[in-house]
C-alpha atoms as a PDB file:
ATOM      1  CA  MET A   1     -59.402  35.501  26.649  1.00  0.00           C
ATOM      2  CA  LYS A   2     -58.367  32.431  24.637  1.00  0.00           C
ATOM      3  CA  PHE A   3     -60.911  30.240  22.850  1.00  0.00           C
ATOM      4  CA  ASN A   4     -60.312  26.646  21.850  1.00  0.00           C
ATOM      5  CA  ASN A   5     -61.048  25.774  18.247  1.00  0.00           C
ATOM      6  CA  PRO A   6     -63.173  22.582  18.324  1.00  0.00           C
ATOM      7  CA  PHE A   7     -62.385  21.984  14.647  1.00  0.00           C
ATOM      8  CA  LYS A   8     -58.613  21.974  15.089  1.00  0.00           C
ATOM      9  CA  SER A   9     -57.294  18.461  14.789  1.00  0.00           C
ATOM     10  CA  LYS A  10     -55.182  16.945  17.548  1.00  0.00           C
ATOM     11  CA  LYS A  11     -53.580  14.867  14.795  1.00  0.00           C
ATOM     12  CA  ASN A  12     -52.171  18.043  13.201  1.00  0.00           C
ATOM     13  CA  LYS A  13     -50.646  19.091  16.535  1.00  0.00           C
ATOM     14  CA  LYS A  14     -49.124  15.625  16.897  1.00  0.00           C
ATOM     15  CA  LYS A  15     -47.658  15.802  13.362  1.00  0.00           C
ATOM     16  CA  ALA A  16     -46.224  19.247  14.063  1.00  0.00           C
ATOM     17  CA  ASN A  17     -44.595  17.974  17.265  1.00  0.00           C
ATOM     18  CA  GLU A  18     -43.202  14.929  15.436  1.00  0.00           C
ATOM     19  CA  LYS A  19     -41.745  17.181  12.735  1.00  0.00           C
ATOM     20  CA  LYS A  20     -40.089  19.331  15.422  1.00  0.00           C
ATOM     21  CA  LYS A  21     -38.510  16.215  16.918  1.00  0.00           C
ATOM     22  CA  LEU A  22     -37.291  15.143  13.477  1.00  0.00           C
ATOM     23  CA  LEU A  23     -35.843  18.574  12.819  1.00  0.00           C
ATOM     24  CA  SER A  24     -33.855  18.340  16.016  1.00  0.00           C
ATOM     25  CA  ALA A  25     -32.539  14.947  14.877  1.00  0.00           C
ATOM     26  CA  LYS A  26     -31.599  16.578  11.563  1.00  0.00           C
ATOM     27  CA  GLU A  27     -29.803  19.391  13.335  1.00  0.00           C
ATOM     28  CA  LYS A  28     -27.985  16.916  15.575  1.00  0.00           C
ATOM     29  CA  ALA A  29     -26.794  14.841  12.606  1.00  0.00           C
ATOM     30  CA  THR A  30     -25.719  17.969  10.735  1.00  0.00           C
ATOM     31  CA  LYS A  31     -23.697  19.215  13.717  1.00  0.00           C
ATOM     32  CA  GLN A  32     -22.023  15.804  13.932  1.00  0.00           C
ATOM     33  CA  GLY A  33     -21.223  15.893  10.207  1.00  0.00           C
ATOM     34  CA  GLU A  34     -23.433  12.885   9.454  1.00  0.00           C
ATOM     35  CA  PRO A  35     -25.813  12.409   6.513  1.00  0.00           C
ATOM     36  CA  TRP A  36     -29.471  12.416   7.522  1.00  0.00           C
ATOM     37  CA  VAL A  37     -32.701  11.588   5.702  1.00  0.00           C
ATOM     38  CA  SER A  38     -36.127  10.798   7.101  1.00  0.00           C
ATOM     39  CA  VAL A  39     -39.710  10.152   6.043  1.00  0.00           C
ATOM     40  CA  LEU A  40     -41.734  12.983   7.563  1.00  0.00           C
ATOM     41  CA  ASP A  41     -45.132  11.918   6.307  1.00  0.00           C
ATOM     42  CA  MET A  42     -46.867   9.325   4.158  1.00  0.00           C
ATOM     43  CA  ASP A  43     -50.128   9.915   2.360  1.00  0.00           C
ATOM     44  CA  VAL A  44     -52.376   7.244   0.824  1.00  0.00           C
ATOM     45  CA  ASP A  45     -55.175   7.933  -1.657  1.00  0.00           C
ATOM     46  CA  MET A  46     -58.107   6.074  -0.101  1.00  0.00           C
ATOM     47  CA  ALA A  47     -59.989   6.161  -3.409  1.00  0.00           C
ATOM     48  CA  ASN A  48     -57.100   4.275  -5.038  1.00  0.00           C
ATOM     49  CA  ILE A  49     -55.095   2.556  -2.297  1.00  0.00           C
ATOM     50  CA  SER A  50     -52.235   1.837  -4.733  1.00  0.00           C
ATOM     51  CA  ASN A  51     -51.441   5.557  -4.974  1.00  0.00           C
ATOM     52  CA  GLY A  52     -49.721   7.600  -2.352  1.00  0.00           C
ATOM     53  CA  SER A  53     -46.773   9.786  -1.569  1.00  0.00           C
ATOM     54  CA  PHE A  54     -43.969  10.259   0.921  1.00  0.00           C
ATOM     55  CA  GLU A  55     -42.653  13.531   2.305  1.00  0.00           C
ATOM     56  CA  LEU A  56     -38.900  13.306   2.863  1.00  0.00           C
ATOM     57  CA  ASP A  57     -36.451  15.668   4.515  1.00  0.00           C
ATOM     58  CA  TRP A  58     -32.639  15.573   4.405  1.00  0.00           C
ATOM     59  CA  ASN A  59     -29.540  17.534   5.228  1.00  0.00           C
ATOM     60  CA  ASP A  60     -26.852  18.879   2.886  1.00  0.00           C
ATOM     61  CA  ILE A  61     -24.439  16.163   3.982  1.00  0.00           C
ATOM     62  CA  PHE A  62     -26.838  13.531   2.645  1.00  0.00           C
ATOM     63  CA  ILE A  63     -26.949  15.366  -0.700  1.00  0.00           C
ATOM     64  CA  THR A  64     -23.146  15.408  -0.812  1.00  0.00           C
ATOM     65  CA  ARG A  65     -23.137  11.654  -0.174  1.00  0.00           C
ATOM     66  CA  LEU A  66     -25.625  11.127  -3.017  1.00  0.00           C
ATOM     67  CA  MET A  67     -23.483  13.166  -5.410  1.00  0.00           C
ATOM     68  CA  LYS A  68     -20.378  11.185  -4.423  1.00  0.00           C
ATOM     69  CA  SER A  69     -22.373   8.009  -5.159  1.00  0.00           C
ATOM     70  CA  GLY A  70     -23.146   9.214  -8.678  1.00  0.00           C
ATOM     71  CA  TYR A  71     -26.630  10.659  -8.307  1.00  0.00           C
ATOM     72  CA  GLN A  72     -27.312  13.681 -10.499  1.00  0.00           C
ATOM     73  CA  GLY A  73     -30.162  16.112 -10.818  1.00  0.00           C
ATOM     74  CA  LYS A  74     -31.111  19.717 -11.348  1.00  0.00           C
ATOM     75  CA  THR A  75     -32.191  20.000  -7.719  1.00  0.00           C
ATOM     76  CA  ASP A  76     -31.513  18.264  -4.431  1.00  0.00           C
ATOM     77  CA  ALA A  77     -35.075  16.919  -4.561  1.00  0.00           C
ATOM     78  CA  ASP A  78     -34.329  15.293  -7.946  1.00  0.00           C
ATOM     79  CA  MET A  79     -31.391  13.390  -6.466  1.00  0.00           C
ATOM     80  CA  VAL A  80     -33.335  12.329  -3.378  1.00  0.00           C
ATOM     81  CA  ASP A  81     -36.200  11.176  -5.620  1.00  0.00           C
ATOM     82  CA  GLN A  82     -33.795   9.035  -7.683  1.00  0.00           C
ATOM     83  CA  TRP A  83     -32.333   7.563  -4.493  1.00  0.00           C
ATOM     84  CA  PHE A  84     -35.779   6.822  -3.028  1.00  0.00           C
ATOM     85  CA  GLN A  85     -36.915   5.177  -6.268  1.00  0.00           C
ATOM     86  CA  ASN A  86     -33.793   2.976  -6.173  1.00  0.00           C
ATOM     87  CA  ILE A  87     -34.580   1.974  -2.585  1.00  0.00           C
ATOM     88  CA  CYS A  88     -38.155   1.057  -3.563  1.00  0.00           C
ATOM     89  CA  ARG A  89     -36.960  -0.820  -6.661  1.00  0.00           C
ATOM     90  CA  ASN A  90     -34.480  -2.822  -4.551  1.00  0.00           C
ATOM     91  CA  ILE A  91     -37.217  -3.797  -2.116  1.00  0.00           C
ATOM     92  CA  VAL A  92     -39.423  -5.020  -4.966  1.00  0.00           C
ATOM     93  CA  MET A  93     -36.549  -6.975  -6.511  1.00  0.00           C
ATOM     94  CA  GLU A  94     -35.651  -8.611  -3.186  1.00  0.00           C
ATOM     95  CA  THR A  95     -39.269  -9.653  -2.705  1.00  0.00           C
ATOM     96  CA  TYR A  96     -39.485 -10.998  -6.265  1.00  0.00           C
ATOM     97  CA  GLU A  97     -36.217 -12.929  -5.943  1.00  0.00           C
ATOM     98  CA  GLN A  98     -37.355 -14.402  -2.626  1.00  0.00           C
ATOM     99  CA  GLU A  99     -40.660 -15.506  -4.134  1.00  0.00           C
ATOM    100  CA  GLN A 100     -38.844 -17.120  -7.072  1.00  0.00           C
ATOM    101  CA  SER A 101     -36.431 -19.011  -4.852  1.00  0.00           C
ATOM    102  CA  ASP A 102     -38.940 -20.170  -2.209  1.00  0.00           C
ATOM    103  CA  PRO A 103     -40.426 -23.507  -3.330  1.00  0.00           C
ATOM    104  CA  ASN A 104     -43.070 -23.433  -0.578  1.00  0.00           C
ATOM    105  CA  ILE A 105     -45.094 -20.635  -2.143  1.00  0.00           C
ATOM    106  CA  VAL A 106     -48.261 -21.829  -3.850  1.00  0.00           C
ATOM    107  CA  ARG A 107     -49.350 -19.792  -6.859  1.00  0.00           C
ATOM    108  CA  ARG A 108     -52.902 -19.860  -8.166  1.00  0.00           C
ATOM    109  CA  LYS A 109     -53.854 -18.667 -11.642  1.00  0.00           C
ATOM    110  CA  ASP A 110     -57.497 -18.224 -12.616  1.00  0.00           C
ATOM    111  CA  LEU A 111     -58.090 -19.965 -15.957  1.00  0.00           C
ATOM    112  CA  GLY A 112     -61.721 -18.914 -16.169  1.00  0.00           C
ATOM    113  CA  ASN A 113     -64.877 -21.038 -16.194  1.00  0.00           C
ATOM    114  CA  GLY A 114     -64.320 -21.899 -12.532  1.00  0.00           C
ATOM    115  CA  ARG A 115     -60.927 -23.507 -13.239  1.00  0.00           C
ATOM    116  CA  SER A 116     -57.571 -22.661 -11.633  1.00  0.00           C
ATOM    117  CA  GLU A 117     -53.987 -23.629 -12.243  1.00  0.00           C
ATOM    118  CA  ILE A 118     -51.962 -24.246  -9.082  1.00  0.00           C
ATOM    119  CA  SER A 119     -48.188 -24.399  -9.177  1.00  0.00           C
END
């Protein structure tokens, strides 16, 4: 006789199924000789919304591509971490450059005592 666990999360089953689908995409890319990397999961610290983490997965072909592009590290995870940080840094820089070049953005600076500077 099989009993259902009422405390088992359907979300965990969904994540497990999504990971299986991603693994099959990884296997497909590997068989085709293509680099593959994917975000498997993202976690956000609700106590401090600015903190979080990403779980990444990749194939060996992606690591080879990183090494050919000049990434170095003691482990594959070190190289992927460097690559991911570069991606994030590029996104921030693009956003910053866009904000600097867009004259339609209004900036407000609190000067204190109920006063603001608008530029």
